[in-house]
PDB file of N, CA and C in Angstrom:
ATOM      1  N   MET A   1       0.852  -1.368  -0.065  1.00  0.00           N
ATOM      2  CA  MET A   1      -0.049  -0.182   0.024  1.00  0.00           C
ATOM      3  C   MET A   1       0.547   0.922  -0.086  1.00  0.00           C
ATOM      4  N   GLY A   2       2.090   0.820   0.275  1.00  0.00           N
ATOM      5  CA  GLY A   2       3.387   2.627   0.205  1.00  0.00           C
ATOM      6  C   GLY A   2       2.803   3.634   1.468  1.00  0.00           C
ATOM      7  N   LEU A   3       2.411   2.832   2.528  1.00  0.00           N
ATOM      8  CA  LEU A   3       2.584   2.994   3.731  1.00  0.00           C
ATOM      9  C   LEU A   3       3.608   3.080   4.587  1.00  0.00           C
ATOM     10  N   PRO A   4       4.061   4.055   5.535  1.00  0.00           N
ATOM     11  CA  PRO A   4       5.253   3.571   6.180  1.00  0.00           C
ATOM     12  C   PRO A   4       5.263   2.125   7.484  1.00  0.00           C
ATOM     13  N   THR A   5       6.073   1.793   7.569  1.00  0.00           N
ATOM     14  CA  THR A   5       6.400   0.587   8.119  1.00  0.00           C
ATOM     15  C   THR A   5       5.932   1.039   9.745  1.00  0.00           C
ATOM     16  N   GLY A   6       5.375   0.122  10.220  1.00  0.00           N
ATOM     17  CA  GLY A   6       4.515   0.203  11.314  1.00  0.00           C
ATOM     18  C   GLY A   6       3.147   1.309  11.500  1.00  0.00           C
ATOM     19  N   SER A   7       2.620   1.656  10.780  1.00  0.00           N
ATOM     20  CA  SER A   7       1.742   2.277  10.460  1.00  0.00           C
ATOM     21  C   SER A   7       0.236   1.646  11.103  1.00  0.00           C
ATOM     22  N   PRO A   8      -0.326   2.524  11.665  1.00  0.00           N
ATOM     23  CA  PRO A   8      -1.818   1.667  12.520  1.00  0.00           C
ATOM     24  C   PRO A   8      -2.395   1.342  11.219  1.00  0.00           C
ATOM     25  N   PRO A   9      -3.521  -0.108  11.494  1.00  0.00           N
ATOM     26  CA  PRO A   9      -4.846  -0.480  10.677  1.00  0.00           C
ATOM     27  C   PRO A   9      -5.445   0.667   9.780  1.00  0.00           C
ATOM     28  N   LEU A  10      -5.759   0.652   8.784  1.00  0.00           N
ATOM     29  CA  LEU A  10      -6.267   1.538   8.399  1.00  0.00           C
ATOM     30  C   LEU A  10      -8.468   0.703   8.644  1.00  0.00           C
ATOM     31  N   ASP A  11      -9.238   1.423   8.778  1.00  0.00           N
ATOM     32  CA  ASP A  11     -10.634   1.036   8.845  1.00  0.00           C
ATOM     33  C   ASP A  11     -10.891   1.389   7.223  1.00  0.00           C
ATOM     34  N   MET A  12     -11.979   1.088   7.263  1.00  0.00           N
ATOM     35  CA  MET A  12     -12.525   0.799   5.742  1.00  0.00           C
ATOM     36  C   MET A  12     -12.881   2.160   4.913  1.00  0.00           C
ATOM     37  N   SER A  13     -12.842   3.190   5.564  1.00  0.00           N
ATOM     38  CA  SER A  13     -13.408   4.618   4.936  1.00  0.00           C
ATOM     39  C   SER A  13     -11.637   5.159   4.585  1.00  0.00           C
ATOM     40  N   GLN A  14     -10.315   4.583   5.799  1.00  0.00           N
ATOM     41  CA  GLN A  14      -9.227   4.704   5.068  1.00  0.00           C
ATOM     42  C   GLN A  14      -8.969   4.277   4.043  1.00  0.00           C
ATOM     43  N   TYR A  15      -8.969   2.742   4.053  1.00  0.00           N
ATOM     44  CA  TYR A  15      -8.448   1.912   2.583  1.00  0.00           C
ATOM     45  C   TYR A  15      -9.423   2.591   1.571  1.00  0.00           C
ATOM     46  N   LEU A  16     -10.528   2.865   1.490  1.00  0.00           N
ATOM     47  CA  LEU A  16     -11.162   3.134   0.204  1.00  0.00           C
ATOM     48  C   LEU A  16     -10.630   4.298  -0.165  1.00  0.00           C
ATOM     49  N   LEU A  17      -9.852   5.110   0.459  1.00  0.00           N
ATOM     50  CA  LEU A  17      -9.215   6.580   0.015  1.00  0.00           C
ATOM     51  C   LEU A  17      -8.384   6.577  -0.690  1.00  0.00           C
ATOM     52  N   LEU A  18      -7.658   5.132  -0.100  1.00  0.00           N
ATOM     53  CA  LEU A  18      -6.252   4.844  -1.401  1.00  0.00           C
ATOM     54  C   LEU A  18      -6.801   4.094  -2.984  1.00  0.00           C
ATOM     55  N   VAL A  19      -7.907   3.825  -2.762  1.00  0.00           N
ATOM     56  CA  VAL A  19      -8.494   2.834  -3.999  1.00  0.00           C
ATOM     57  C   VAL A  19      -8.866   3.703  -4.807  1.00  0.00           C
ATOM     58  N   CYS A  20      -8.221   3.702  -6.540  1.00  0.00           N
ATOM     59  CA  CYS A  20      -8.549   4.380  -7.433  1.00  0.00           C
ATOM     60  C   CYS A  20     -10.293   5.354  -7.301  1.00  0.00           C
ATOM     61  N   PRO A  21     -10.319   6.265  -7.664  1.00  0.00           N
ATOM     62  CA  PRO A  21     -11.564   7.094  -7.505  1.00  0.00           C
ATOM     63  C   PRO A  21     -12.672   6.337  -8.343  1.00  0.00           C
ATOM     64  N   GLU A  22     -12.032   5.594  -9.645  1.00  0.00           N
ATOM     65  CA  GLU A  22     -13.661   5.223 -10.654  1.00  0.00           C
ATOM     66  C   GLU A  22     -13.254   3.486  -9.987  1.00  0.00           C
ATOM     67  N   ASN A  23     -12.635   2.801  -8.630  1.00  0.00           N
ATOM     68  CA  ASN A  23     -13.139   1.630  -8.612  1.00  0.00           C
ATOM     69  C   ASN A  23     -13.652   1.715  -7.343  1.00  0.00           C
ATOM     70  N   ARG A  24     -13.667   2.691  -6.558  1.00  0.00           N
ATOM     71  CA  ARG A  24     -14.016   2.757  -5.233  1.00  0.00           C
ATOM     72  C   ARG A  24     -15.327   2.116  -4.351  1.00  0.00           C
ATOM     73  N   ASP A  25     -16.667   2.602  -5.405  1.00  0.00           N
ATOM     74  CA  ASP A  25     -17.322   2.391  -5.223  1.00  0.00           C
ATOM     75  C   ASP A  25     -17.719   0.941  -5.582  1.00  0.00           C
ATOM     76  N   LEU A  26     -16.935   0.187  -6.466  1.00  0.00           N
ATOM     77  CA  LEU A  26     -17.432  -1.490  -6.659  1.00  0.00           C
ATOM     78  C   LEU A  26     -16.709  -1.944  -5.218  1.00  0.00           C
ATOM     79  N   VAL A  27     -15.233  -1.265  -4.632  1.00  0.00           N
ATOM     80  CA  VAL A  27     -14.923  -2.114  -4.092  1.00  0.00           C
ATOM     81  C   VAL A  27     -15.531  -1.964  -2.516  1.00  0.00           C
ATOM     82  N   GLY A  28     -16.080  -0.888  -2.211  1.00  0.00           N
ATOM     83  CA  GLY A  28     -16.683  -0.771  -1.300  1.00  0.00           C
ATOM     84  C   GLY A  28     -17.943  -1.222  -1.254  1.00  0.00           C
ATOM     85  N   SER A  29     -18.773  -1.414  -2.313  1.00  0.00           N
ATOM     86  CA  SER A  29     -19.841  -2.549  -2.169  1.00  0.00           C
ATOM     87  C   SER A  29     -19.862  -3.875  -1.971  1.00  0.00           C
ATOM     88  N   THR A  30     -18.661  -4.313  -2.490  1.00  0.00           N
ATOM     89  CA  THR A  30     -18.001  -5.557  -2.695  1.00  0.00           C
ATOM     90  C   THR A  30     -17.963  -5.981  -0.967  1.00  0.00           C
ATOM     91  N   PHE A  31     -17.383  -5.045  -0.373  1.00  0.00           N
ATOM     92  CA  PHE A  31     -16.566  -5.001   1.099  1.00  0.00           C
ATOM     93  C   PHE A  31     -17.847  -5.511   1.679  1.00  0.00           C
ATOM     94  N   ARG A  32     -18.936  -4.177   1.534  1.00  0.00           N
ATOM     95  CA  ARG A  32     -20.124  -4.197   2.231  1.00  0.00           C
ATOM     96  C   ARG A  32     -20.914  -5.820   2.145  1.00  0.00           C
ATOM     97  N   ARG A  33     -20.730  -5.902   1.073  1.00  0.00           N
ATOM     98  CA  ARG A  33     -21.665  -7.240   0.878  1.00  0.00           C
ATOM     99  C   ARG A  33     -21.311  -8.435   1.282  1.00  0.00           C
ATOM    100  N   LEU A  34     -19.662  -8.388   1.286  1.00  0.00           N
ATOM    101  CA  LEU A  34     -19.177  -9.954   1.876  1.00  0.00           C
ATOM    102  C   LEU A  34     -19.596  -9.795   3.513  1.00  0.00           C
ATOM    103  N   LEU A  35     -19.506  -8.343   4.610  1.00  0.00           N
ATOM    104  CA  LEU A  35     -19.579  -8.471   5.380  1.00  0.00           C
ATOM    105  C   LEU A  35     -21.103  -8.518   6.258  1.00  0.00           C
ATOM    106  N   THR A  36     -22.033  -8.875   5.228  1.00  0.00           N
ATOM    107  CA  THR A  36     -23.208  -8.828   5.610  1.00  0.00           C
ATOM    108  C   THR A  36     -23.832 -10.020   5.224  1.00  0.00           C
ATOM    109  N   SER A  37     -23.386 -10.653   3.637  1.00  0.00           N
ATOM    110  CA  SER A  37     -23.727 -12.182   3.431  1.00  0.00           C
ATOM    111  C   SER A  37     -22.950 -13.048   3.545  1.00  0.00           C
ATOM    112  N   GLY A  38     -21.706 -13.133   4.034  1.00  0.00           N
ATOM    113  CA  GLY A  38     -20.665 -13.743   3.534  1.00  0.00           C
ATOM    114  C   GLY A  38     -20.186 -14.021   2.853  1.00  0.00           C
ATOM    115  N   GLY A  39     -19.605 -15.441   2.253  1.00  0.00           N
ATOM    116  CA  GLY A  39     -19.118 -15.653   0.988  1.00  0.00           C
ATOM    117  C   GLY A  39     -17.482 -15.232   0.766  1.00  0.00           C
ATOM    118  N   LYS A  40     -17.276 -15.356  -0.639  1.00  0.00           N
ATOM    119  CA  LYS A  40     -16.003 -15.190  -0.754  1.00  0.00           C
ATOM    120  C   LYS A  40     -15.651 -13.848  -1.551  1.00  0.00           C
ATOM    121  N   TYR A  41     -14.408 -12.858  -1.873  1.00  0.00           N
ATOM    122  CA  TYR A  41     -14.192 -11.954  -2.383  1.00  0.00           C
ATOM    123  C   TYR A  41     -13.087 -12.217  -3.129  1.00  0.00           C
ATOM    124  N   ASN A  42     -12.823 -11.966  -4.438  1.00  0.00           N
ATOM    125  CA  ASN A  42     -11.863 -11.933  -5.088  1.00  0.00           C
ATOM    126  C   ASN A  42     -11.864 -11.052  -6.220  1.00  0.00           C
ATOM    127  N   GLN A  43     -11.078  -9.983  -6.062  1.00  0.00           N
ATOM    128  CA  GLN A  43     -10.973  -8.439  -6.969  1.00  0.00           C
ATOM    129  C   GLN A  43      -9.921  -8.095  -7.463  1.00  0.00           C
ATOM    130  N   GLU A  44      -9.980  -7.795  -8.432  1.00  0.00           N
ATOM    131  CA  GLU A  44      -8.623  -6.872  -8.770  1.00  0.00           C
ATOM    132  C   GLU A  44      -9.264  -5.176  -8.843  1.00  0.00           C
ATOM    133  N   TYR A  45      -7.972  -4.285  -8.204  1.00  0.00           N
ATOM    134  CA  TYR A  45      -8.339  -2.886  -8.685  1.00  0.00           C
ATOM    135  C   TYR A  45      -7.387  -1.994  -8.576  1.00  0.00           C
ATOM    136  N   GLU A  46      -7.150  -0.706  -8.361  1.00  0.00           N
ATOM    137  CA  GLU A  46      -6.212   0.029  -8.577  1.00  0.00           C
ATOM    138  C   GLU A  46      -5.915   1.013  -7.076  1.00  0.00           C
ATOM    139  N   ILE A  47      -5.140   1.192  -6.712  1.00  0.00           N
ATOM    140  CA  ILE A  47      -5.031   1.874  -5.715  1.00  0.00           C
ATOM    141  C   ILE A  47      -3.766   3.149  -5.898  1.00  0.00           C
ATOM    142  N   VAL A  48      -4.216   4.332  -5.114  1.00  0.00           N
ATOM    143  CA  VAL A  48      -3.006   5.325  -5.432  1.00  0.00           C
ATOM    144  C   VAL A  48      -2.434   5.473  -4.419  1.00  0.00           C
ATOM    145  N   ARG A  49      -1.009   4.673  -4.216  1.00  0.00           N
ATOM    146  CA  ARG A  49      -0.283   5.094  -3.063  1.00  0.00           C
ATOM    147  C   ARG A  49       0.208   6.663  -2.473  1.00  0.00           C
ATOM    148  N   PRO A  50       0.368   6.758  -1.119  1.00  0.00           N
ATOM    149  CA  PRO A  50       0.403   8.457  -0.777  1.00  0.00           C
ATOM    150  C   PRO A  50       1.519   9.139  -1.666  1.00  0.00           C
ATOM    151  N   ASP A  51       2.514   8.642  -2.071  1.00  0.00           N
ATOM    152  CA  ASP A  51       3.255   9.399  -3.253  1.00  0.00           C
ATOM    153  C   ASP A  51       2.833   9.495  -4.726  1.00  0.00           C
ATOM    154  N   GLY A  52       1.711   8.842  -5.259  1.00  0.00           N
ATOM    155  CA  GLY A  52       1.022   9.298  -6.094  1.00  0.00           C
ATOM    156  C   GLY A  52       1.256   7.777  -7.301  1.00  0.00           C
ATOM    157  N   THR A  53       1.471   6.946  -6.758  1.00  0.00           N
ATOM    158  CA  THR A  53       2.095   6.174  -7.885  1.00  0.00           C
ATOM    159  C   THR A  53       0.755   5.635  -7.540  1.00  0.00           C
ATOM    160  N   ILE A  54       0.247   4.546  -8.700  1.00  0.00           N
ATOM    161  CA  ILE A  54      -0.657   3.680  -9.205  1.00  0.00           C
ATOM    162  C   ILE A  54      -0.234   2.170  -9.135  1.00  0.00           C
ATOM    163  N   ARG A  55      -0.414   1.997  -8.479  1.00  0.00           N
ATOM    164  CA  ARG A  55      -0.371   0.322  -8.426  1.00  0.00           C
ATOM    165  C   ARG A  55      -1.680  -0.930  -8.547  1.00  0.00           C
ATOM    166  N   ALA A  56      -1.701  -1.949  -9.069  1.00  0.00           N
ATOM    167  CA  ALA A  56      -2.625  -3.198  -9.147  1.00  0.00           C
ATOM    168  C   ALA A  56      -2.659  -3.446  -7.910  1.00  0.00           C
ATOM    169  N   GLU A  57      -3.840  -3.970  -7.138  1.00  0.00           N
ATOM    170  CA  GLU A  57      -3.855  -4.550  -6.022  1.00  0.00           C
ATOM    171  C   GLU A  57      -5.114  -5.803  -5.984  1.00  0.00           C
ATOM    172  N   ARG A  58      -4.831  -6.773  -5.294  1.00  0.00           N
ATOM    173  CA  ARG A  58      -5.343  -8.116  -5.747  1.00  0.00           C
ATOM    174  C   ARG A  58      -5.818  -8.382  -4.319  1.00  0.00           C
ATOM    175  N   THR A  59      -7.098  -8.577  -4.124  1.00  0.00           N
ATOM    176  CA  THR A  59      -7.748  -8.947  -2.861  1.00  0.00           C
ATOM    177  C   THR A  59      -8.540  -9.869  -2.827  1.00  0.00           C
ATOM    178  N   GLU A  60      -8.088 -11.660  -1.416  1.00  0.00           N
ATOM    179  CA  GLU A  60      -8.884 -12.469  -1.622  1.00  0.00           C
ATOM    180  C   GLU A  60      -9.603 -12.662  -0.338  1.00  0.00           C
ATOM    181  N   VAL A  61     -10.796 -12.387   0.095  1.00  0.00           N
ATOM    182  CA  VAL A  61     -11.245 -12.350   1.352  1.00  0.00           C
ATOM    183  C   VAL A  61     -11.849 -13.694   1.223  1.00  0.00           C
ATOM    184  N   GLU A  62     -11.781 -14.430   2.277  1.00  0.00           N
ATOM    185  CA  GLU A  62     -13.254 -15.628   2.746  1.00  0.00           C
ATOM    186  C   GLU A  62     -14.064 -15.630   4.207  1.00  0.00           C
ATOM    187  N   ARG A  63     -14.857 -14.799   3.930  1.00  0.00           N
ATOM    188  CA  ARG A  63     -15.529 -14.515   5.707  1.00  0.00           C
ATOM    189  C   ARG A  63     -15.965 -15.961   6.102  1.00  0.00           C
ATOM    190  N   GLY A  64     -14.858 -16.372   7.163  1.00  0.00           N
ATOM    191  CA  GLY A  64     -15.548 -17.697   8.523  1.00  0.00           C
ATOM    192  C   GLY A  64     -16.563 -17.356   8.778  1.00  0.00           C
ATOM    193  N   SER A  65     -16.728 -18.223   9.763  1.00  0.00           N
ATOM    194  CA  SER A  65     -18.127 -18.216  10.914  1.00  0.00           C
ATOM    195  C   SER A  65     -17.636 -17.549  12.181  1.00  0.00           C
ATOM    196  N   GLY A  66     -16.420 -17.319  12.015  1.00  0.00           N
ATOM    197  CA  GLY A  66     -16.192 -16.430  13.388  1.00  0.00           C
ATOM    198  C   GLY A  66     -15.713 -17.191  14.737  1.00  0.00           C
ATOM    199  N   ARG A  67     -15.503 -18.511  14.064  1.00  0.00           N
ATOM    200  CA  ARG A  67     -15.459 -19.460  15.465  1.00  0.00           C
ATOM    201  C   ARG A  67     -13.955 -20.047  15.163  1.00  0.00           C
TER     202      ARG A  67
END
């Protein structure tokens, strides 16, 4: 993500600010759907690092039962 080592974890709104504006709505809605409905998430999108460079990001998440 291009953040300094030791940076605190980002919450969802902070994370979405790093996502390219044209991908932000899709990434946010997919994350929210995963949190409410469960399932798997596998998506590629671009982020803007703090230095302004654009990088491809690939995220894979599977929501577990919490046990």
